[in-house]
Amino acid sequence: MIEEQTTRMEEVGQSLAEARGRGESAGGHVSVEVLASGALAALRIDPRALRLGSEALAEAILEASGEATRDAAEQTGALLNSLLEDSFRS
């Protein structure tokens, strides 16, 4: 039983380490990926998004980043909840 719990914790830890939140804005022309920590992992800007102008592009990046951060938080929350549920069942 302890071995199973340890294995499950390791699996969840690995999933947390690999979790990436994704967000898009500007009709998909701006996309952002963040790590579970919230750190920026990738930023993609379609050249067509440059036509938005600097202020609108900055807003689009922030919007996509916020969406990606929420996505990462939801993923990590779900992983931790599943671990807690498994612990209570044991």
PDB file of N, CA and C in Angstrom:
ATOM      1  N   MET A   1       0.815  -1.188   0.000  1.00  0.00           N
ATOM      2  CA  MET A   1       0.000   0.000   0.000  1.00  0.00           C
ATOM      3  C   MET A   1       0.863   1.259   0.000  1.00  0.00           C
ATOM      4  N   ILE A   2       1.907   1.297   0.791  1.00  0.00           N
ATOM      5  CA  ILE A   2       2.798   2.459   0.826  1.00  0.00           C
ATOM      6  C   ILE A   2       3.519   2.595  -0.512  1.00  0.00           C
ATOM      7  N   GLU A   3       3.896   1.462  -1.092  1.00  0.00           N
ATOM      8  CA  GLU A   3       4.563   1.501  -2.397  1.00  0.00           C
ATOM      9  C   GLU A   3       3.634   2.087  -3.459  1.00  0.00           C
ATOM     10  N   GLU A   4       2.358   1.719  -3.407  1.00  0.00           N
ATOM     11  CA  GLU A   4       1.383   2.249  -4.359  1.00  0.00           C
ATOM     12  C   GLU A   4       1.234   3.758  -4.194  1.00  0.00           C
ATOM     13  N   GLN A   5       1.169   4.213  -2.951  1.00  0.00           N
ATOM     14  CA  GLN A   5       1.036   5.652  -2.692  1.00  0.00           C
ATOM     15  C   GLN A   5       2.278   6.401  -3.158  1.00  0.00           C
ATOM     16  N   THR A   6       3.432   5.817  -2.916  1.00  0.00           N
ATOM     17  CA  THR A   6       4.680   6.446  -3.339  1.00  0.00           C
ATOM     18  C   THR A   6       4.738   6.540  -4.854  1.00  0.00           C
ATOM     19  N   THR A   7       4.350   5.459  -5.505  1.00  0.00           N
ATOM     20  CA  THR A   7       4.334   5.451  -6.968  1.00  0.00           C
ATOM     21  C   THR A   7       3.370   6.505  -7.495  1.00  0.00           C
ATOM     22  N   ARG A   8       2.188   6.585  -6.887  1.00  0.00           N
ATOM     23  CA  ARG A   8       1.191   7.568  -7.312  1.00  0.00           C
ATOM     24  C   ARG A   8       1.710   8.988  -7.108  1.00  0.00           C
ATOM     25  N   MET A   9       2.373   9.242  -5.982  1.00  0.00           N
ATOM     26  CA  MET A   9       2.943  10.573  -5.728  1.00  0.00           C
ATOM     27  C   MET A   9       4.005  10.915  -6.765  1.00  0.00           C
ATOM     28  N   GLU A  10       4.808   9.942  -7.122  1.00  0.00           N
ATOM     29  CA  GLU A  10       5.837  10.172  -8.138  1.00  0.00           C
ATOM     30  C   GLU A  10       5.209  10.478  -9.492  1.00  0.00           C
ATOM     31  N   GLU A  11       4.137   9.753  -9.818  1.00  0.00           N
ATOM     32  CA  GLU A  11       3.442   9.994 -11.086  1.00  0.00           C
ATOM     33  C   GLU A  11       2.848  11.402 -11.120  1.00  0.00           C
ATOM     34  N   VAL A  12       2.212  11.790 -10.031  1.00  0.00           N
ATOM     35  CA  VAL A  12       1.620  13.127  -9.969  1.00  0.00           C
ATOM     36  C   VAL A  12       2.724  14.184 -10.015  1.00  0.00           C
ATOM     37  N   GLY A  13       3.811  13.950  -9.311  1.00  0.00           N
ATOM     38  CA  GLY A  13       4.936  14.887  -9.344  1.00  0.00           C
ATOM     39  C   GLY A  13       5.479  15.060 -10.750  1.00  0.00           C
ATOM     40  N   GLN A  14       5.590  13.967 -11.482  1.00  0.00           N
ATOM     41  CA  GLN A  14       6.065  14.028 -12.867  1.00  0.00           C
ATOM     42  C   GLN A  14       5.064  14.791 -13.737  1.00  0.00           C
ATOM     43  N   SER A  15       3.777  14.520 -13.545  1.00  0.00           N
ATOM     44  CA  SER A  15       2.746  15.227 -14.309  1.00  0.00           C
ATOM     45  C   SER A  15       2.764  16.720 -14.007  1.00  0.00           C
ATOM     46  N   LEU A  16       2.980  17.070 -12.750  1.00  0.00           N
ATOM     47  CA  LEU A  16       3.072  18.489 -12.379  1.00  0.00           C
ATOM     48  C   LEU A  16       4.268  19.146 -13.052  1.00  0.00           C
ATOM     49  N   ALA A  17       5.382  18.424 -13.087  1.00  0.00           N
ATOM     50  CA  ALA A  17       6.590  18.968 -13.708  1.00  0.00           C
ATOM     51  C   ALA A  17       6.399  19.176 -15.206  1.00  0.00           C
ATOM     52  N   GLU A  18       5.561  18.345 -15.820  1.00  0.00           N
ATOM     53  CA  GLU A  18       5.356  18.426 -17.262  1.00  0.00           C
ATOM     54  C   GLU A  18       4.162  19.283 -17.652  1.00  0.00           C
ATOM     55  N   ALA A  19       3.369  19.723 -16.697  1.00  0.00           N
ATOM     56  CA  ALA A  19       2.148  20.482 -16.992  1.00  0.00           C
ATOM     57  C   ALA A  19       2.484  21.806 -17.675  1.00  0.00           C
ATOM     58  N   ARG A  20       1.717  22.110 -18.692  1.00  0.00           N
ATOM     59  CA  ARG A  20       1.852  23.380 -19.408  1.00  0.00           C
ATOM     60  C   ARG A  20       0.470  23.920 -19.678  1.00  0.00           C
ATOM     61  N   GLY A  21       0.261  25.148 -19.288  1.00  0.00           N
ATOM     62  CA  GLY A  21      -0.993  25.818 -19.599  1.00  0.00           C
ATOM     63  C   GLY A  21      -0.875  26.500 -20.945  1.00  0.00           C
ATOM     64  N   ARG A  22      -1.986  26.526 -21.658  1.00  0.00           N
ATOM     65  CA  ARG A  22      -1.983  27.140 -22.983  1.00  0.00           C
ATOM     66  C   ARG A  22      -3.089  28.189 -23.072  1.00  0.00           C
ATOM     67  N   GLY A  23      -2.775  29.258 -23.768  1.00  0.00           N
ATOM     68  CA  GLY A  23      -3.760  30.311 -23.974  1.00  0.00           C
ATOM     69  C   GLY A  23      -3.556  30.959 -25.325  1.00  0.00           C
ATOM     70  N   GLU A  24      -4.654  31.439 -25.899  1.00  0.00           N
ATOM     71  CA  GLU A  24      -4.606  32.118 -27.186  1.00  0.00           C
ATOM     72  C   GLU A  24      -5.415  33.404 -27.124  1.00  0.00           C
ATOM     73  N   SER A  25      -5.091  34.310 -28.012  1.00  0.00           N
ATOM     74  CA  SER A  25      -5.873  35.527 -28.167  1.00  0.00           C
ATOM     75  C   SER A  25      -5.682  36.044 -29.585  1.00  0.00           C
ATOM     76  N   ALA A  26      -6.323  37.164 -29.871  1.00  0.00           N
ATOM     77  CA  ALA A  26      -6.232  37.785 -31.198  1.00  0.00           C
ATOM     78  C   ALA A  26      -6.586  36.782 -32.293  1.00  0.00           C
ATOM     79  N   GLY A  27      -7.668  36.040 -32.054  1.00  0.00           N
ATOM     80  CA  GLY A  27      -8.111  35.080 -33.056  1.00  0.00           C
ATOM     81  C   GLY A  27      -7.130  33.957 -33.311  1.00  0.00           C
ATOM     82  N   GLY A  28      -6.346  33.620 -32.297  1.00  0.00           N
ATOM     83  CA  GLY A  28      -5.366  32.544 -32.435  1.00  0.00           C
ATOM     84  C   GLY A  28      -4.021  33.001 -32.980  1.00  0.00           C
ATOM     85  N   HIS A  29      -3.882  34.286 -33.242  1.00  0.00           N
ATOM     86  CA  HIS A  29      -2.617  34.800 -33.775  1.00  0.00           C
ATOM     87  C   HIS A  29      -1.549  34.960 -32.696  1.00  0.00           C
ATOM     88  N   VAL A  30      -1.967  34.951 -31.439  1.00  0.00           N
ATOM     89  CA  VAL A  30      -1.023  35.020 -30.322  1.00  0.00           C
ATOM     90  C   VAL A  30      -1.292  33.812 -29.437  1.00  0.00           C
ATOM     91  N   SER A  31      -0.264  33.023 -29.165  1.00  0.00           N
ATOM     92  CA  SER A  31      -0.429  31.888 -28.260  1.00  0.00           C
ATOM     93  C   SER A  31       0.722  31.869 -27.260  1.00  0.00           C
ATOM     94  N   VAL A  32       0.370  31.437 -26.055  1.00  0.00           N
ATOM     95  CA  VAL A  32       1.320  31.429 -24.948  1.00  0.00           C
ATOM     96  C   VAL A  32       1.241  30.076 -24.252  1.00  0.00           C
ATOM     97  N   GLU A  33       2.386  29.575 -23.823  1.00  0.00           N
ATOM     98  CA  GLU A  33       2.456  28.397 -22.963  1.00  0.00           C
ATOM     99  C   GLU A  33       3.199  28.790 -21.701  1.00  0.00           C
ATOM    100  N   VAL A  34       2.660  28.375 -20.562  1.00  0.00           N
ATOM    101  CA  VAL A  34       3.337  28.618 -19.295  1.00  0.00           C
ATOM    102  C   VAL A  34       3.526  27.297 -18.566  1.00  0.00           C
ATOM    103  N   LEU A  35       4.547  27.254 -17.740  1.00  0.00           N
ATOM    104  CA  LEU A  35       4.791  26.093 -16.892  1.00  0.00           C
ATOM    105  C   LEU A  35       3.845  26.147 -15.700  1.00  0.00           C
ATOM    106  N   ALA A  36       3.776  25.064 -14.948  1.00  0.00           N
ATOM    107  CA  ALA A  36       2.912  25.016 -13.765  1.00  0.00           C
ATOM    108  C   ALA A  36       3.270  26.131 -12.782  1.00  0.00           C
ATOM    109  N   SER A  37       4.511  26.555 -12.772  1.00  0.00           N
ATOM    110  CA  SER A  37       4.957  27.628 -11.883  1.00  0.00           C
ATOM    111  C   SER A  37       4.462  28.992 -12.339  1.00  0.00           C
ATOM    112  N   GLY A  38       3.957  29.062 -13.575  1.00  0.00           N
ATOM    113  CA  GLY A  38       3.522  30.332 -14.138  1.00  0.00           C
ATOM    114  C   GLY A  38       4.578  30.974 -15.028  1.00  0.00           C
ATOM    115  N   ALA A  39       5.762  30.385 -15.062  1.00  0.00           N
ATOM    116  CA  ALA A  39       6.838  30.921 -15.898  1.00  0.00           C
ATOM    117  C   ALA A  39       6.511  30.721 -17.376  1.00  0.00           C
ATOM    118  N   LEU A  40       6.858  31.690 -18.172  1.00  0.00           N
ATOM    119  CA  LEU A  40       6.628  31.632 -19.608  1.00  0.00           C
ATOM    120  C   LEU A  40       7.487  30.534 -20.224  1.00  0.00           C
ATOM    121  N   ALA A  41       6.855  29.634 -20.981  1.00  0.00           N
ATOM    122  CA  ALA A  41       7.576  28.549 -21.645  1.00  0.00           C
ATOM    123  C   ALA A  41       7.686  28.797 -23.146  1.00  0.00           C
ATOM    124  N   ALA A  42       6.655  29.417 -23.730  1.00  0.00           N
ATOM    125  CA  ALA A  42       6.666  29.684 -25.168  1.00  0.00           C
ATOM    126  C   ALA A  42       5.730  30.844 -25.480  1.00  0.00           C
ATOM    127  N   LEU A  43       6.113  31.607 -26.477  1.00  0.00           N
ATOM    128  CA  LEU A  43       5.295  32.707 -26.972  1.00  0.00           C
ATOM    129  C   LEU A  43       5.371  32.657 -28.492  1.00  0.00           C
ATOM    130  N   ARG A  44       4.209  32.551 -29.111  1.00  0.00           N
ATOM    131  CA  ARG A  44       4.155  32.526 -30.573  1.00  0.00           C
ATOM    132  C   ARG A  44       3.290  33.691 -31.041  1.00  0.00           C
ATOM    133  N   ILE A  45       3.850  34.465 -31.947  1.00  0.00           N
ATOM    134  CA  ILE A  45       3.123  35.605 -32.498  1.00  0.00           C
ATOM    135  C   ILE A  45       3.110  35.444 -34.017  1.00  0.00           C
ATOM    136  N   ASP A  46       1.936  35.236 -34.555  1.00  0.00           N
ATOM    137  CA  ASP A  46       1.766  35.151 -35.995  1.00  0.00           C
ATOM    138  C   ASP A  46       2.089  36.535 -36.566  1.00  0.00           C
ATOM    139  N   PRO A  47       2.812  36.604 -37.667  1.00  0.00           N
ATOM    140  CA  PRO A  47       3.142  37.914 -38.239  1.00  0.00           C
ATOM    141  C   PRO A  47       1.917  38.808 -38.481  1.00  0.00           C
ATOM    142  N   ARG A  48       0.766  38.200 -38.732  1.00  0.00           N
ATOM    143  CA  ARG A  48      -0.442  39.004 -38.943  1.00  0.00           C
ATOM    144  C   ARG A  48      -0.840  39.760 -37.686  1.00  0.00           C
ATOM    145  N   ALA A  49      -0.440  39.256 -36.512  1.00  0.00           N
ATOM    146  CA  ALA A  49      -0.775  39.930 -35.257  1.00  0.00           C
ATOM    147  C   ALA A  49      -0.012  41.237 -35.106  1.00  0.00           C
ATOM    148  N   LEU A  50       1.084  41.385 -35.820  1.00  0.00           N
ATOM    149  CA  LEU A  50       1.864  42.619 -35.739  1.00  0.00           C
ATOM    150  C   LEU A  50       1.088  43.802 -36.289  1.00  0.00           C
ATOM    151  N   ARG A  51       0.098  43.529 -37.129  1.00  0.00           N
ATOM    152  CA  ARG A  51      -0.736  44.598 -37.692  1.00  0.00           C
ATOM    153  C   ARG A  51      -1.658  45.222 -36.646  1.00  0.00           C
ATOM    154  N   LEU A  52      -1.785  44.581 -35.496  1.00  0.00           N
ATOM    155  CA  LEU A  52      -2.660  45.095 -34.445  1.00  0.00           C
ATOM    156  C   LEU A  52      -2.150  46.405 -33.857  1.00  0.00           C
ATOM    157  N   GLY A  53      -0.861  46.612 -33.927  1.00  0.00           N
ATOM    158  CA  GLY A  53      -0.245  47.754 -33.271  1.00  0.00           C
ATOM    159  C   GLY A  53       0.314  47.318 -31.928  1.00  0.00           C
ATOM    160  N   SER A  54       1.238  48.083 -31.399  1.00  0.00           N
ATOM    161  CA  SER A  54       1.960  47.667 -30.201  1.00  0.00           C
ATOM    162  C   SER A  54       1.068  47.530 -28.974  1.00  0.00           C
ATOM    163  N   GLU A  55       0.146  48.451 -28.757  1.00  0.00           N
ATOM    164  CA  GLU A  55      -0.720  48.367 -27.569  1.00  0.00           C
ATOM    165  C   GLU A  55      -1.662  47.178 -27.645  1.00  0.00           C
ATOM    166  N   ALA A  56      -2.283  46.982 -28.782  1.00  0.00           N
ATOM    167  CA  ALA A  56      -3.206  45.855 -28.943  1.00  0.00           C
ATOM    168  C   ALA A  56      -2.454  44.527 -28.871  1.00  0.00           C
ATOM    169  N   LEU A  57      -1.249  44.496 -29.422  1.00  0.00           N
ATOM    170  CA  LEU A  57      -0.445  43.270 -29.354  1.00  0.00           C
ATOM    171  C   LEU A  57      -0.064  42.963 -27.910  1.00  0.00           C
ATOM    172  N   ALA A  58       0.319  43.992 -27.163  1.00  0.00           N
ATOM    173  CA  ALA A  58       0.654  43.795 -25.750  1.00  0.00           C
ATOM    174  C   ALA A  58      -0.555  43.268 -24.983  1.00  0.00           C
ATOM    175  N   GLU A  59      -1.730  43.823 -25.247  1.00  0.00           N
ATOM    176  CA  GLU A  59      -2.949  43.344 -24.596  1.00  0.00           C
ATOM    177  C   GLU A  59      -3.241  41.899 -24.964  1.00  0.00           C
ATOM    178  N   ALA A  60      -3.029  41.550 -26.228  1.00  0.00           N
ATOM    179  CA  ALA A  60      -3.266  40.182 -26.682  1.00  0.00           C
ATOM    180  C   ALA A  60      -2.319  39.203 -25.988  1.00  0.00           C
ATOM    181  N   ILE A  61      -1.073  39.606 -25.824  1.00  0.00           N
ATOM    182  CA  ILE A  61      -0.100  38.753 -25.137  1.00  0.00           C
ATOM    183  C   ILE A  61      -0.507  38.561 -23.684  1.00  0.00           C
ATOM    184  N   LEU A  62      -0.898  39.643 -23.025  1.00  0.00           N
ATOM    185  CA  LEU A  62      -1.330  39.533 -21.628  1.00  0.00           C
ATOM    186  C   LEU A  62      -2.588  38.684 -21.492  1.00  0.00           C
ATOM    187  N   GLU A  63      -3.512  38.819 -22.422  1.00  0.00           N
ATOM    188  CA  GLU A  63      -4.740  38.017 -22.392  1.00  0.00           C
ATOM    189  C   GLU A  63      -4.415  36.527 -22.558  1.00  0.00           C
ATOM    190  N   ALA A  64      -3.580  36.207 -23.528  1.00  0.00           N
ATOM    191  CA  ALA A  64      -3.203  34.811 -23.754  1.00  0.00           C
ATOM    192  C   ALA A  64      -2.423  34.260 -22.566  1.00  0.00           C
ATOM    193  N   SER A  65      -1.577  35.082 -21.978  1.00  0.00           N
ATOM    194  CA  SER A  65      -0.804  34.663 -20.810  1.00  0.00           C
ATOM    195  C   SER A  65      -1.717  34.371 -19.624  1.00  0.00           C
ATOM    196  N   GLY A  66      -2.699  35.226 -19.407  1.00  0.00           N
ATOM    197  CA  GLY A  66      -3.656  35.005 -18.321  1.00  0.00           C
ATOM    198  C   GLY A  66      -4.435  33.712 -18.524  1.00  0.00           C
ATOM    199  N   GLU A  67      -4.861  33.473 -19.761  1.00  0.00           N
ATOM    200  CA  GLU A  67      -5.592  32.247 -20.082  1.00  0.00           C
ATOM    201  C   GLU A  67      -4.708  31.021 -19.840  1.00  0.00           C
ATOM    202  N   ALA A  68      -3.455  31.114 -20.249  1.00  0.00           N
ATOM    203  CA  ALA A  68      -2.525  29.993 -20.060  1.00  0.00           C
ATOM    204  C   ALA A  68      -2.273  29.737 -18.576  1.00  0.00           C
ATOM    205  N   THR A  69      -2.152  30.794 -17.802  1.00  0.00           N
ATOM    206  CA  THR A  69      -1.922  30.650 -16.361  1.00  0.00           C
ATOM    207  C   THR A  69      -3.124  29.995 -15.688  1.00  0.00           C
ATOM    208  N   ARG A  70      -4.329  30.404 -16.080  1.00  0.00           N
ATOM    209  CA  ARG A  70      -5.539  29.764 -15.530  1.00  0.00           C
ATOM    210  C   ARG A  70      -5.594  28.291 -15.919  1.00  0.00           C
ATOM    211  N   ASP A  71      -5.231  27.987 -17.153  1.00  0.00           N
ATOM    212  CA  ASP A  71      -5.220  26.600 -17.620  1.00  0.00           C
ATOM    213  C   ASP A  71      -4.238  25.763 -16.798  1.00  0.00           C
ATOM    214  N   ALA A  72      -3.049  26.292 -16.566  1.00  0.00           N
ATOM    215  CA  ALA A  72      -2.042  25.571 -15.773  1.00  0.00           C
ATOM    216  C   ALA A  72      -2.537  25.363 -14.345  1.00  0.00           C
ATOM    217  N   ALA A  73      -3.174  26.377 -13.775  1.00  0.00           N
ATOM    218  CA  ALA A  73      -3.695  26.260 -12.408  1.00  0.00           C
ATOM    219  C   ALA A  73      -4.786  25.202 -12.329  1.00  0.00           C
ATOM    220  N   GLU A  74      -5.650  25.151 -13.339  1.00  0.00           N
ATOM    221  CA  GLU A  74      -6.703  24.127 -13.360  1.00  0.00           C
ATOM    222  C   GLU A  74      -6.101  22.729 -13.454  1.00  0.00           C
ATOM    223  N   GLN A  75      -5.091  22.583 -14.306  1.00  0.00           N
ATOM    224  CA  GLN A  75      -4.435  21.276 -14.459  1.00  0.00           C
ATOM    225  C   GLN A  75      -3.778  20.823 -13.158  1.00  0.00           C
ATOM    226  N   THR A  76      -3.025  21.716 -12.542  1.00  0.00           N
ATOM    227  CA  THR A  76      -2.330  21.336 -11.313  1.00  0.00           C
ATOM    228  C   THR A  76      -3.318  21.093 -10.182  1.00  0.00           C
ATOM    229  N   GLY A  77      -4.384  21.886 -10.131  1.00  0.00           N
ATOM    230  CA  GLY A  77      -5.416  21.671  -9.120  1.00  0.00           C
ATOM    231  C   GLY A  77      -6.066  20.301  -9.281  1.00  0.00           C
ATOM    232  N   ALA A  78      -6.362  19.935 -10.514  1.00  0.00           N
ATOM    233  CA  ALA A  78      -6.981  18.629 -10.766  1.00  0.00           C
ATOM    234  C   ALA A  78      -6.043  17.494 -10.379  1.00  0.00           C
ATOM    235  N   LEU A  79      -4.765  17.650 -10.674  1.00  0.00           N
ATOM    236  CA  LEU A  79      -3.795  16.606 -10.305  1.00  0.00           C
ATOM    237  C   LEU A  79      -3.687  16.462  -8.788  1.00  0.00           C
ATOM    238  N   LEU A  80      -3.614  17.584  -8.098  1.00  0.00           N
ATOM    239  CA  LEU A  80      -3.503  17.533  -6.642  1.00  0.00           C
ATOM    240  C   LEU A  80      -4.777  16.999  -6.003  1.00  0.00           C
ATOM    241  N   ASN A  81      -5.928  17.378  -6.545  1.00  0.00           N
ATOM    242  CA  ASN A  81      -7.192  16.846  -6.027  1.00  0.00           C
ATOM    243  C   ASN A  81      -7.271  15.336  -6.205  1.00  0.00           C
ATOM    244  N   SER A  82      -6.826  14.850  -7.342  1.00  0.00           N
ATOM    245  CA  SER A  82      -6.863  13.387  -7.561  1.00  0.00           C
ATOM    246  C   SER A  82      -5.942  12.678  -6.589  1.00  0.00           C
ATOM    247  N   LEU A  83      -4.805  13.295  -6.282  1.00  0.00           N
ATOM    248  CA  LEU A  83      -3.888  12.704  -5.310  1.00  0.00           C
ATOM    249  C   LEU A  83      -4.520  12.679  -3.920  1.00  0.00           C
ATOM    250  N   LEU A  84      -5.170  13.759  -3.541  1.00  0.00           N
ATOM    251  CA  LEU A  84      -5.842  13.807  -2.245  1.00  0.00           C
ATOM    252  C   LEU A  84      -6.980  12.793  -2.157  1.00  0.00           C
ATOM    253  N   GLU A  85      -7.753  12.692  -3.225  1.00  0.00           N
ATOM    254  CA  GLU A  85      -8.845  11.716  -3.230  1.00  0.00           C
ATOM    255  C   GLU A  85      -8.306  10.298  -3.090  1.00  0.00           C
ATOM    256  N   ASP A  86      -7.208  10.011  -3.789  1.00  0.00           N
ATOM    257  CA  ASP A  86      -6.589   8.691  -3.680  1.00  0.00           C
ATOM    258  C   ASP A  86      -6.126   8.425  -2.245  1.00  0.00           C
ATOM    259  N   SER A  87      -5.598   9.460  -1.583  1.00  0.00           N
ATOM    260  CA  SER A  87      -5.110   9.309  -0.210  1.00  0.00           C
ATOM    261  C   SER A  87      -6.242   8.998   0.753  1.00  0.00           C
ATOM    262  N   PHE A  88      -7.390   9.655   0.528  1.00  0.00           N
ATOM    263  CA  PHE A  88      -8.541   9.426   1.424  1.00  0.00           C
ATOM    264  C   PHE A  88      -9.171   8.052   1.204  1.00  0.00           C
ATOM    265  N   ARG A  89      -9.072   7.552  -0.018  1.00  0.00           N
ATOM    266  CA  ARG A  89      -9.624   6.229  -0.305  1.00  0.00           C
ATOM    267  C   ARG A  89      -8.800   5.114   0.319  1.00  0.00           C
ATOM    268  N   SER A  90      -7.520   5.394   0.500  1.00  0.00           N
ATOM    269  CA  SER A  90      -6.616   4.354   1.009  1.00  0.00           C
ATOM    270  C   SER A  90      -6.781   4.129   2.492  1.00  0.00           C
TER     271      SER A  90
END
